Amino acid sequence: MTVPPSPLDDPHNAAHAWGRYKRMMRLAGWITLAIVVAVLAWLWQENGLVSINLYIASALGIGGTVLLTVALMGLVFLSSGTGHDAAVVDPLSDED
């Protein structure tokens, strides 16, 4: 059984795909930062200075969740968009 080459084996394709992924993550980081600041401002307006732990936990929880979601979905899109998924061989398939 031979494994077909992945399009990400080509350095030019890989550089383009990872560059696009990094741009997407950079944009998501800025958007996430804006969302976290807006939520913290809203919490401050509604509650005042309750506890600094509330603000730290809210910022880390929202920021971490959004960035992790974007990172994982970005990897799915990178894998699918470059054709890397098509290069996978299923050893259990009956198509020979």
PDB file of N, CA and C in Angstrom:
ATOM      1  N   MET A   1       0.843  -1.162   0.000  1.00  0.00           N
ATOM      2  CA  MET A   1       0.000   0.000   0.000  1.00  0.00           C
ATOM      3  C   MET A   1       0.897   1.236   0.000  1.00  0.00           C
ATOM      4  N   THR A   2       0.733   2.070  -1.002  1.00  0.00           N
ATOM      5  CA  THR A   2       1.524   3.291  -1.076  1.00  0.00           C
ATOM      6  C   THR A   2       0.686   4.466  -0.578  1.00  0.00           C
ATOM      7  N   VAL A   3       1.348   5.340   0.091  1.00  0.00           N
ATOM      8  CA  VAL A   3       0.691   6.533   0.617  1.00  0.00           C
ATOM      9  C   VAL A   3       0.905   7.666  -0.382  1.00  0.00           C
ATOM     10  N   PRO A   4      -0.183   8.275  -0.874  1.00  0.00           N
ATOM     11  CA  PRO A   4      -0.003   9.384  -1.812  1.00  0.00           C
ATOM     12  C   PRO A   4       0.615  10.585  -1.100  1.00  0.00           C
ATOM     13  N   PRO A   5       1.383  11.364  -1.816  1.00  0.00           N
ATOM     14  CA  PRO A   5       2.007  12.527  -1.175  1.00  0.00           C
ATOM     15  C   PRO A   5       0.957  13.570  -0.802  1.00  0.00           C
ATOM     16  N   SER A   6       1.197  14.230   0.296  1.00  0.00           N
ATOM     17  CA  SER A   6       0.309  15.296   0.749  1.00  0.00           C
ATOM     18  C   SER A   6       0.689  16.599   0.048  1.00  0.00           C
ATOM     19  N   PRO A   7      -0.283  17.442  -0.283  1.00  0.00           N
ATOM     20  CA  PRO A   7       0.052  18.751  -0.839  1.00  0.00           C
ATOM     21  C   PRO A   7       0.880  19.605   0.120  1.00  0.00           C
ATOM     22  N   LEU A   8       0.808  19.296   1.417  1.00  0.00           N
ATOM     23  CA  LEU A   8       1.607  20.059   2.376  1.00  0.00           C
ATOM     24  C   LEU A   8       3.069  19.635   2.386  1.00  0.00           C
ATOM     25  N   ASP A   9       3.414  18.588   1.625  1.00  0.00           N
ATOM     26  CA  ASP A   9       4.818  18.208   1.488  1.00  0.00           C
ATOM     27  C   ASP A   9       5.585  19.206   0.626  1.00  0.00           C
ATOM     28  N   ASP A  10       4.863  19.911  -0.231  1.00  0.00           N
ATOM     29  CA  ASP A  10       5.479  20.938  -1.072  1.00  0.00           C
ATOM     30  C   ASP A  10       5.713  22.183  -0.209  1.00  0.00           C
ATOM     31  N   PRO A  11       6.960  22.658  -0.080  1.00  0.00           N
ATOM     32  CA  PRO A  11       7.245  23.802   0.797  1.00  0.00           C
ATOM     33  C   PRO A  11       6.478  25.061   0.418  1.00  0.00           C
ATOM     34  N   HIS A  12       6.239  25.287  -0.872  1.00  0.00           N
ATOM     35  CA  HIS A  12       5.508  26.480  -1.295  1.00  0.00           C
ATOM     36  C   HIS A  12       4.049  26.416  -0.822  1.00  0.00           C
ATOM     37  N   ASN A  13       3.400  25.266  -1.018  1.00  0.00           N
ATOM     38  CA  ASN A  13       2.022  25.101  -0.560  1.00  0.00           C
ATOM     39  C   ASN A  13       1.925  25.189   0.960  1.00  0.00           C
ATOM     40  N   ALA A  14       2.880  24.565   1.641  1.00  0.00           N
ATOM     41  CA  ALA A  14       2.870  24.587   3.103  1.00  0.00           C
ATOM     42  C   ALA A  14       3.064  26.005   3.629  1.00  0.00           C
ATOM     43  N   ALA A  15       3.976  26.756   3.031  1.00  0.00           N
ATOM     44  CA  ALA A  15       4.218  28.134   3.477  1.00  0.00           C
ATOM     45  C   ALA A  15       2.976  28.994   3.271  1.00  0.00           C
ATOM     46  N   HIS A  16       2.317  28.802   2.131  1.00  0.00           N
ATOM     47  CA  HIS A  16       1.093  29.564   1.860  1.00  0.00           C
ATOM     48  C   HIS A  16       0.001  29.204   2.866  1.00  0.00           C
ATOM     49  N   ALA A  17      -0.197  27.914   3.120  1.00  0.00           N
ATOM     50  CA  ALA A  17      -1.256  27.468   4.034  1.00  0.00           C
ATOM     51  C   ALA A  17      -0.987  27.939   5.466  1.00  0.00           C
ATOM     52  N   TRP A  18       0.248  27.775   5.930  1.00  0.00           N
ATOM     53  CA  TRP A  18       0.550  28.187   7.297  1.00  0.00           C
ATOM     54  C   TRP A  18       0.549  29.707   7.435  1.00  0.00           C
ATOM     55  N   GLY A  19       0.916  30.428   6.395  1.00  0.00           N
ATOM     56  CA  GLY A  19       0.825  31.886   6.421  1.00  0.00           C
ATOM     57  C   GLY A  19      -0.618  32.350   6.560  1.00  0.00           C
ATOM     58  N   ARG A  20      -1.504  31.686   5.814  1.00  0.00           N
ATOM     59  CA  ARG A  20      -2.923  32.016   5.904  1.00  0.00           C
ATOM     60  C   ARG A  20      -3.463  31.693   7.300  1.00  0.00           C
ATOM     61  N   TYR A  21      -3.024  30.584   7.864  1.00  0.00           N
ATOM     62  CA  TYR A  21      -3.443  30.191   9.213  1.00  0.00           C
ATOM     63  C   TYR A  21      -2.966  31.215  10.244  1.00  0.00           C
ATOM     64  N   LYS A  22      -1.729  31.658  10.123  1.00  0.00           N
ATOM     65  CA  LYS A  22      -1.196  32.644  11.069  1.00  0.00           C
ATOM     66  C   LYS A  22      -1.921  33.977  10.962  1.00  0.00           C
ATOM     67  N   ARG A  23      -2.255  34.397   9.725  1.00  0.00           N
ATOM     68  CA  ARG A  23      -3.027  35.632   9.561  1.00  0.00           C
ATOM     69  C   ARG A  23      -4.402  35.505  10.208  1.00  0.00           C
ATOM     70  N   MET A  24      -5.027  34.351  10.024  1.00  0.00           N
ATOM     71  CA  MET A  24      -6.338  34.120  10.620  1.00  0.00           C
ATOM     72  C   MET A  24      -6.244  34.167  12.146  1.00  0.00           C
ATOM     73  N   MET A  25      -5.220  33.552  12.721  1.00  0.00           N
ATOM     74  CA  MET A  25      -5.054  33.559  14.166  1.00  0.00           C
ATOM     75  C   MET A  25      -4.752  34.961  14.694  1.00  0.00           C
ATOM     76  N   ARG A  26      -3.980  35.725  13.944  1.00  0.00           N
ATOM     77  CA  ARG A  26      -3.688  37.097  14.359  1.00  0.00           C
ATOM     78  C   ARG A  26      -4.968  37.930  14.388  1.00  0.00           C
ATOM     79  N   LEU A  27      -5.782  37.803  13.332  1.00  0.00           N
ATOM     80  CA  LEU A  27      -7.057  38.527  13.281  1.00  0.00           C
ATOM     81  C   LEU A  27      -7.974  38.068  14.410  1.00  0.00           C
ATOM     82  N   ALA A  28      -8.043  36.770  14.642  1.00  0.00           N
ATOM     83  CA  ALA A  28      -8.880  36.244  15.717  1.00  0.00           C
ATOM     84  C   ALA A  28      -8.395  36.734  17.077  1.00  0.00           C
ATOM     85  N   GLY A  29      -7.099  36.871  17.240  1.00  0.00           N
ATOM     86  CA  GLY A  29      -6.554  37.390  18.498  1.00  0.00           C
ATOM     87  C   GLY A  29      -7.000  38.811  18.765  1.00  0.00           C
ATOM     88  N   TRP A  30      -6.954  39.642  17.741  1.00  0.00           N
ATOM     89  CA  TRP A  30      -7.394  41.031  17.910  1.00  0.00           C
ATOM     90  C   TRP A  30      -8.889  41.121  18.172  1.00  0.00           C
ATOM     91  N   ILE A  31      -9.671  40.327  17.465  1.00  0.00           N
ATOM     92  CA  ILE A  31     -11.118  40.322  17.688  1.00  0.00           C
ATOM     93  C   ILE A  31     -11.435  39.807  19.094  1.00  0.00           C
ATOM     94  N   THR A  32     -10.730  38.765  19.516  1.00  0.00           N
ATOM     95  CA  THR A  32     -10.934  38.226  20.858  1.00  0.00           C
ATOM     96  C   THR A  32     -10.569  39.252  21.918  1.00  0.00           C
ATOM     97  N   LEU A  33      -9.493  39.975  21.699  1.00  0.00           N
ATOM     98  CA  LEU A  33      -9.097  41.019  22.643  1.00  0.00           C
ATOM     99  C   LEU A  33     -10.184  42.080  22.756  1.00  0.00           C
ATOM    100  N   ALA A  34     -10.760  42.480  21.630  1.00  0.00           N
ATOM    101  CA  ALA A  34     -11.834  43.472  21.655  1.00  0.00           C
ATOM    102  C   ALA A  34     -13.063  42.939  22.390  1.00  0.00           C
ATOM    103  N   ILE A  35     -13.390  41.671  22.171  1.00  0.00           N
ATOM    104  CA  ILE A  35     -14.534  41.068  22.854  1.00  0.00           C
ATOM    105  C   ILE A  35     -14.285  40.997  24.352  1.00  0.00           C
ATOM    106  N   VAL A  36     -13.089  40.583  24.757  1.00  0.00           N
ATOM    107  CA  VAL A  36     -12.763  40.482  26.180  1.00  0.00           C
ATOM    108  C   VAL A  36     -12.832  41.855  26.840  1.00  0.00           C
ATOM    109  N   VAL A  37     -12.312  42.875  26.187  1.00  0.00           N
ATOM    110  CA  VAL A  37     -12.368  44.231  26.747  1.00  0.00           C
ATOM    111  C   VAL A  37     -13.819  44.684  26.880  1.00  0.00           C
ATOM    112  N   ALA A  38     -14.647  44.404  25.879  1.00  0.00           N
ATOM    113  CA  ALA A  38     -16.056  44.795  25.932  1.00  0.00           C
ATOM    114  C   ALA A  38     -16.779  44.070  27.071  1.00  0.00           C
ATOM    115  N   VAL A  39     -16.517  42.789  27.238  1.00  0.00           N
ATOM    116  CA  VAL A  39     -17.164  42.035  28.319  1.00  0.00           C
ATOM    117  C   VAL A  39     -16.690  42.520  29.683  1.00  0.00           C
ATOM    118  N   LEU A  40     -15.409  42.795  29.819  1.00  0.00           N
ATOM    119  CA  LEU A  40     -14.906  43.298  31.098  1.00  0.00           C
ATOM    120  C   LEU A  40     -15.489  44.672  31.418  1.00  0.00           C
ATOM    121  N   ALA A  41     -15.648  45.515  30.403  1.00  0.00           N
ATOM    122  CA  ALA A  41     -16.279  46.821  30.616  1.00  0.00           C
ATOM    123  C   ALA A  41     -17.731  46.650  31.035  1.00  0.00           C
ATOM    124  N   TRP A  42     -18.425  45.705  30.410  1.00  0.00           N
ATOM    125  CA  TRP A  42     -19.815  45.448  30.783  1.00  0.00           C
ATOM    126  C   TRP A  42     -19.897  44.914  32.215  1.00  0.00           C
ATOM    127  N   LEU A  43     -19.006  43.998  32.587  1.00  0.00           N
ATOM    128  CA  LEU A  43     -18.996  43.485  33.953  1.00  0.00           C
ATOM    129  C   LEU A  43     -18.722  44.599  34.962  1.00  0.00           C
ATOM    130  N   TRP A  44     -17.805  45.473  34.628  1.00  0.00           N
ATOM    131  CA  TRP A  44     -17.476  46.600  35.511  1.00  0.00           C
ATOM    132  C   TRP A  44     -18.684  47.519  35.682  1.00  0.00           C
ATOM    133  N   GLN A  45     -19.378  47.778  34.578  1.00  0.00           N
ATOM    134  CA  GLN A  45     -20.557  48.653  34.625  1.00  0.00           C
ATOM    135  C   GLN A  45     -21.672  48.022  35.455  1.00  0.00           C
ATOM    136  N   GLU A  46     -21.863  46.720  35.327  1.00  0.00           N
ATOM    137  CA  GLU A  46     -22.945  46.045  36.042  1.00  0.00           C
ATOM    138  C   GLU A  46     -22.618  45.780  37.512  1.00  0.00           C
ATOM    139  N   ASN A  47     -21.361  45.440  37.806  1.00  0.00           N
ATOM    140  CA  ASN A  47     -21.013  44.974  39.153  1.00  0.00           C
ATOM    141  C   ASN A  47     -20.051  45.860  39.918  1.00  0.00           C
ATOM    142  N   GLY A  48     -19.337  46.716  39.242  1.00  0.00           N
ATOM    143  CA  GLY A  48     -18.302  47.485  39.916  1.00  0.00           C
ATOM    144  C   GLY A  48     -17.114  46.594  40.241  1.00  0.00           C
ATOM    145  N   LEU A  49     -16.330  46.989  41.224  1.00  0.00           N
ATOM    146  CA  LEU A  49     -15.157  46.196  41.614  1.00  0.00           C
ATOM    147  C   LEU A  49     -15.594  45.158  42.642  1.00  0.00           C
ATOM    148  N   VAL A  50     -16.032  44.011  42.155  1.00  0.00           N
ATOM    149  CA  VAL A  50     -16.448  42.929  43.033  1.00  0.00           C
ATOM    150  C   VAL A  50     -15.206  42.213  43.553  1.00  0.00           C
ATOM    151  N   SER A  51     -14.477  41.627  42.647  1.00  0.00           N
ATOM    152  CA  SER A  51     -13.236  40.929  42.976  1.00  0.00           C
ATOM    153  C   SER A  51     -12.395  40.890  41.706  1.00  0.00           C
ATOM    154  N   ILE A  52     -11.118  41.070  41.861  1.00  0.00           N
ATOM    155  CA  ILE A  52     -10.245  41.026  40.691  1.00  0.00           C
ATOM    156  C   ILE A  52     -10.248  39.632  40.074  1.00  0.00           C
ATOM    157  N   ASN A  53     -10.527  38.625  40.899  1.00  0.00           N
ATOM    158  CA  ASN A  53     -10.569  37.260  40.392  1.00  0.00           C
ATOM    159  C   ASN A  53     -11.690  37.065  39.372  1.00  0.00           C
ATOM    160  N   LEU A  54     -12.807  37.761  39.543  1.00  0.00           N
ATOM    161  CA  LEU A  54     -13.907  37.689  38.576  1.00  0.00           C
ATOM    162  C   LEU A  54     -13.446  38.172  37.207  1.00  0.00           C
ATOM    163  N   TYR A  55     -12.724  39.256  37.184  1.00  0.00           N
ATOM    164  CA  TYR A  55     -12.271  39.831  35.918  1.00  0.00           C
ATOM    165  C   TYR A  55     -11.173  38.981  35.269  1.00  0.00           C
ATOM    166  N   ILE A  56     -10.277  38.456  36.074  1.00  0.00           N
ATOM    167  CA  ILE A  56      -9.213  37.607  35.536  1.00  0.00           C
ATOM    168  C   ILE A  56      -9.800  36.318  34.970  1.00  0.00           C
ATOM    169  N   ALA A  57     -10.694  35.687  35.726  1.00  0.00           N
ATOM    170  CA  ALA A  57     -11.296  34.437  35.270  1.00  0.00           C
ATOM    171  C   ALA A  57     -12.146  34.662  34.025  1.00  0.00           C
ATOM    172  N   SER A  58     -12.872  35.756  33.985  1.00  0.00           N
ATOM    173  CA  SER A  58     -13.697  36.050  32.805  1.00  0.00           C
ATOM    174  C   SER A  58     -12.827  36.267  31.572  1.00  0.00           C
ATOM    175  N   ALA A  59     -11.772  37.042  31.722  1.00  0.00           N
ATOM    176  CA  ALA A  59     -10.883  37.319  30.587  1.00  0.00           C
ATOM    177  C   ALA A  59     -10.210  36.044  30.089  1.00  0.00           C
ATOM    178  N   LEU A  60      -9.690  35.236  31.008  1.00  0.00           N
ATOM    179  CA  LEU A  60      -9.018  34.001  30.601  1.00  0.00           C
ATOM    180  C   LEU A  60     -10.003  32.985  30.039  1.00  0.00           C
ATOM    181  N   GLY A  61     -11.180  32.901  30.627  1.00  0.00           N
ATOM    182  CA  GLY A  61     -12.170  31.944  30.150  1.00  0.00           C
ATOM    183  C   GLY A  61     -12.671  32.277  28.759  1.00  0.00           C
ATOM    184  N   ILE A  62     -13.032  33.529  28.550  1.00  0.00           N
ATOM    185  CA  ILE A  62     -13.528  33.937  27.231  1.00  0.00           C
ATOM    186  C   ILE A  62     -12.417  33.885  26.200  1.00  0.00           C
ATOM    187  N   GLY A  63     -11.277  34.478  26.531  1.00  0.00           N
ATOM    188  CA  GLY A  63     -10.161  34.504  25.582  1.00  0.00           C
ATOM    189  C   GLY A  63      -9.667  33.116  25.224  1.00  0.00           C
ATOM    190  N   GLY A  64      -9.488  32.270  26.238  1.00  0.00           N
ATOM    191  CA  GLY A  64      -9.003  30.918  25.983  1.00  0.00           C
ATOM    192  C   GLY A  64      -9.971  30.092  25.161  1.00  0.00           C
ATOM    193  N   THR A  65     -11.259  30.201  25.474  1.00  0.00           N
ATOM    194  CA  THR A  65     -12.263  29.434  24.737  1.00  0.00           C
ATOM    195  C   THR A  65     -12.341  29.857  23.281  1.00  0.00           C
ATOM    196  N   VAL A  66     -12.386  31.151  23.045  1.00  0.00           N
ATOM    197  CA  VAL A  66     -12.500  31.644  21.670  1.00  0.00           C
ATOM    198  C   VAL A  66     -11.248  31.306  20.868  1.00  0.00           C
ATOM    199  N   LEU A  67     -10.079  31.533  21.437  1.00  0.00           N
ATOM    200  CA  LEU A  67      -8.840  31.266  20.695  1.00  0.00           C
ATOM    201  C   LEU A  67      -8.621  29.775  20.444  1.00  0.00           C
ATOM    202  N   LEU A  68      -8.967  28.929  21.412  1.00  0.00           N
ATOM    203  CA  LEU A  68      -8.835  27.492  21.195  1.00  0.00           C
ATOM    204  C   LEU A  68      -9.794  27.022  20.101  1.00  0.00           C
ATOM    205  N   THR A  69     -11.009  27.540  20.118  1.00  0.00           N
ATOM    206  CA  THR A  69     -11.982  27.185  19.086  1.00  0.00           C
ATOM    207  C   THR A  69     -11.502  27.612  17.709  1.00  0.00           C
ATOM    208  N   VAL A  70     -11.009  28.831  17.598  1.00  0.00           N
ATOM    209  CA  VAL A  70     -10.516  29.324  16.306  1.00  0.00           C
ATOM    210  C   VAL A  70      -9.301  28.521  15.846  1.00  0.00           C
ATOM    211  N   ALA A  71      -8.410  28.190  16.773  1.00  0.00           N
ATOM    212  CA  ALA A  71      -7.211  27.429  16.403  1.00  0.00           C
ATOM    213  C   ALA A  71      -7.577  26.048  15.866  1.00  0.00           C
ATOM    214  N   LEU A  72      -8.480  25.350  16.547  1.00  0.00           N
ATOM    215  CA  LEU A  72      -8.839  24.012  16.096  1.00  0.00           C
ATOM    216  C   LEU A  72      -9.627  24.041  14.789  1.00  0.00           C
ATOM    217  N   MET A  73     -10.554  24.972  14.660  1.00  0.00           N
ATOM    218  CA  MET A  73     -11.309  25.069  13.409  1.00  0.00           C
ATOM    219  C   MET A  73     -10.390  25.506  12.275  1.00  0.00           C
ATOM    220  N   GLY A  74      -9.431  26.365  12.568  1.00  0.00           N
ATOM    221  CA  GLY A  74      -8.468  26.771  11.549  1.00  0.00           C
ATOM    222  C   GLY A  74      -7.639  25.597  11.050  1.00  0.00           C
ATOM    223  N   LEU A  75      -7.255  24.700  11.947  1.00  0.00           N
ATOM    224  CA  LEU A  75      -6.514  23.512  11.530  1.00  0.00           C
ATOM    225  C   LEU A  75      -7.375  22.589  10.671  1.00  0.00           C
ATOM    226  N   VAL A  76      -8.655  22.502  10.988  1.00  0.00           N
ATOM    227  CA  VAL A  76      -9.561  21.698  10.163  1.00  0.00           C
ATOM    228  C   VAL A  76      -9.648  22.293   8.764  1.00  0.00           C
ATOM    229  N   PHE A  77      -9.811  23.604   8.683  1.00  0.00           N
ATOM    230  CA  PHE A  77      -9.893  24.257   7.376  1.00  0.00           C
ATOM    231  C   PHE A  77      -8.576  24.163   6.612  1.00  0.00           C
ATOM    232  N   LEU A  78      -7.452  24.274   7.322  1.00  0.00           N
ATOM    233  CA  LEU A  78      -6.147  24.153   6.673  1.00  0.00           C
ATOM    234  C   LEU A  78      -5.983  22.757   6.085  1.00  0.00           C
ATOM    235  N   SER A  79      -6.322  21.749   6.848  1.00  0.00           N
ATOM    236  CA  SER A  79      -6.180  20.367   6.398  1.00  0.00           C
ATOM    237  C   SER A  79      -7.089  20.075   5.212  1.00  0.00           C
ATOM    238  N   SER A  80      -8.321  20.534   5.301  1.00  0.00           N
ATOM    239  CA  SER A  80      -9.278  20.283   4.230  1.00  0.00           C
ATOM    240  C   SER A  80      -8.977  21.128   2.993  1.00  0.00           C
ATOM    241  N   GLY A  81      -8.642  22.391   3.196  1.00  0.00           N
ATOM    242  CA  GLY A  81      -8.425  23.304   2.078  1.00  0.00           C
ATOM    243  C   GLY A  81      -7.191  23.016   1.251  1.00  0.00           C
ATOM    244  N   THR A  82      -6.186  22.391   1.844  1.00  0.00           N
ATOM    245  CA  THR A  82      -4.963  22.103   1.103  1.00  0.00           C
ATOM    246  C   THR A  82      -5.005  20.745   0.421  1.00  0.00           C
ATOM    247  N   GLY A  83      -6.012  19.944   0.718  1.00  0.00           N
ATOM    248  CA  GLY A  83      -6.079  18.609   0.145  1.00  0.00           C
ATOM    249  C   GLY A  83      -5.333  17.573   0.954  1.00  0.00           C
ATOM    250  N   HIS A  84      -4.883  17.961   2.136  1.00  0.00           N
ATOM    251  CA  HIS A  84      -4.143  17.038   2.999  1.00  0.00           C
ATOM    252  C   HIS A  84      -5.029  15.873   3.435  1.00  0.00           C
ATOM    253  N   ASP A  85      -6.318  16.123   3.612  1.00  0.00           N
ATOM    254  CA  ASP A  85      -7.240  15.058   4.029  1.00  0.00           C
ATOM    255  C   ASP A  85      -7.366  13.972   2.964  1.00  0.00           C
ATOM    256  N   ALA A  86      -7.272  14.352   1.706  1.00  0.00           N
ATOM    257  CA  ALA A  86      -7.420  13.384   0.621  1.00  0.00           C
ATOM    258  C   ALA A  86      -6.208  12.460   0.511  1.00  0.00           C
ATOM    259  N   ALA A  87      -5.094  12.849   1.120  1.00  0.00           N
ATOM    260  CA  ALA A  87      -3.872  12.042   1.036  1.00  0.00           C
ATOM    261  C   ALA A  87      -3.816  10.943   2.080  1.00  0.00           C
ATOM    262  N   VAL A  88      -4.832  10.869   2.911  1.00  0.00           N
ATOM    263  CA  VAL A  88      -4.859   9.843   3.961  1.00  0.00           C
ATOM    264  C   VAL A  88      -5.341   8.525   3.372  1.00  0.00           C
ATOM    265  N   VAL A  89      -4.674   7.450   3.729  1.00  0.00           N
ATOM    266  CA  VAL A  89      -5.043   6.120   3.259  1.00  0.00           C
ATOM    267  C   VAL A  89      -5.740   5.391   4.404  1.00  0.00           C
ATOM    268  N   ASP A  90      -6.904   4.819   4.094  1.00  0.00           N
ATOM    269  CA  ASP A  90      -7.647   4.049   5.083  1.00  0.00           C
ATOM    270  C   ASP A  90      -7.296   2.573   4.916  1.00  0.00           C
ATOM    271  N   PRO A  91      -6.522   2.001   5.826  1.00  0.00           N
ATOM    272  CA  PRO A  91      -6.106   0.604   5.668  1.00  0.00           C
ATOM    273  C   PRO A  91      -7.270  -0.382   5.849  1.00  0.00           C
ATOM    274  N   LEU A  92      -8.376   0.062   6.390  1.00  0.00           N
ATOM    275  CA  LEU A  92      -9.504  -0.818   6.630  1.00  0.00           C
ATOM    276  C   LEU A  92     -10.537  -0.807   5.510  1.00  0.00           C
ATOM    277  N   SER A  93     -10.317   0.040   4.505  1.00  0.00           N
ATOM    278  CA  SER A  93     -11.287   0.097   3.423  1.00  0.00           C
ATOM    279  C   SER A  93     -11.143  -1.139   2.527  1.00  0.00           C
ATOM    280  N   ASP A  94     -12.249  -1.542   1.917  1.00  0.00           N
ATOM    281  CA  ASP A  94     -12.251  -2.740   1.047  1.00  0.00           C
ATOM    282  C   ASP A  94     -11.998  -2.403  -0.412  1.00  0.00           C
ATOM    283  N   GLU A  95     -11.705  -1.160  -0.700  1.00  0.00           N
ATOM    284  CA  GLU A  95     -11.476  -0.747  -2.092  1.00  0.00           C
ATOM    285  C   GLU A  95     -10.032  -1.023  -2.463  1.00  0.00           C
ATOM    286  N   ASP A  96      -9.778  -2.078  -3.213  1.00  0.00           N
ATOM    287  CA  ASP A  96      -8.408  -2.399  -3.640  1.00  0.00           C
ATOM    288  C   ASP A  96      -8.352  -2.515  -5.139  1.00  0.00           C
TER     289      ASP A  96
END
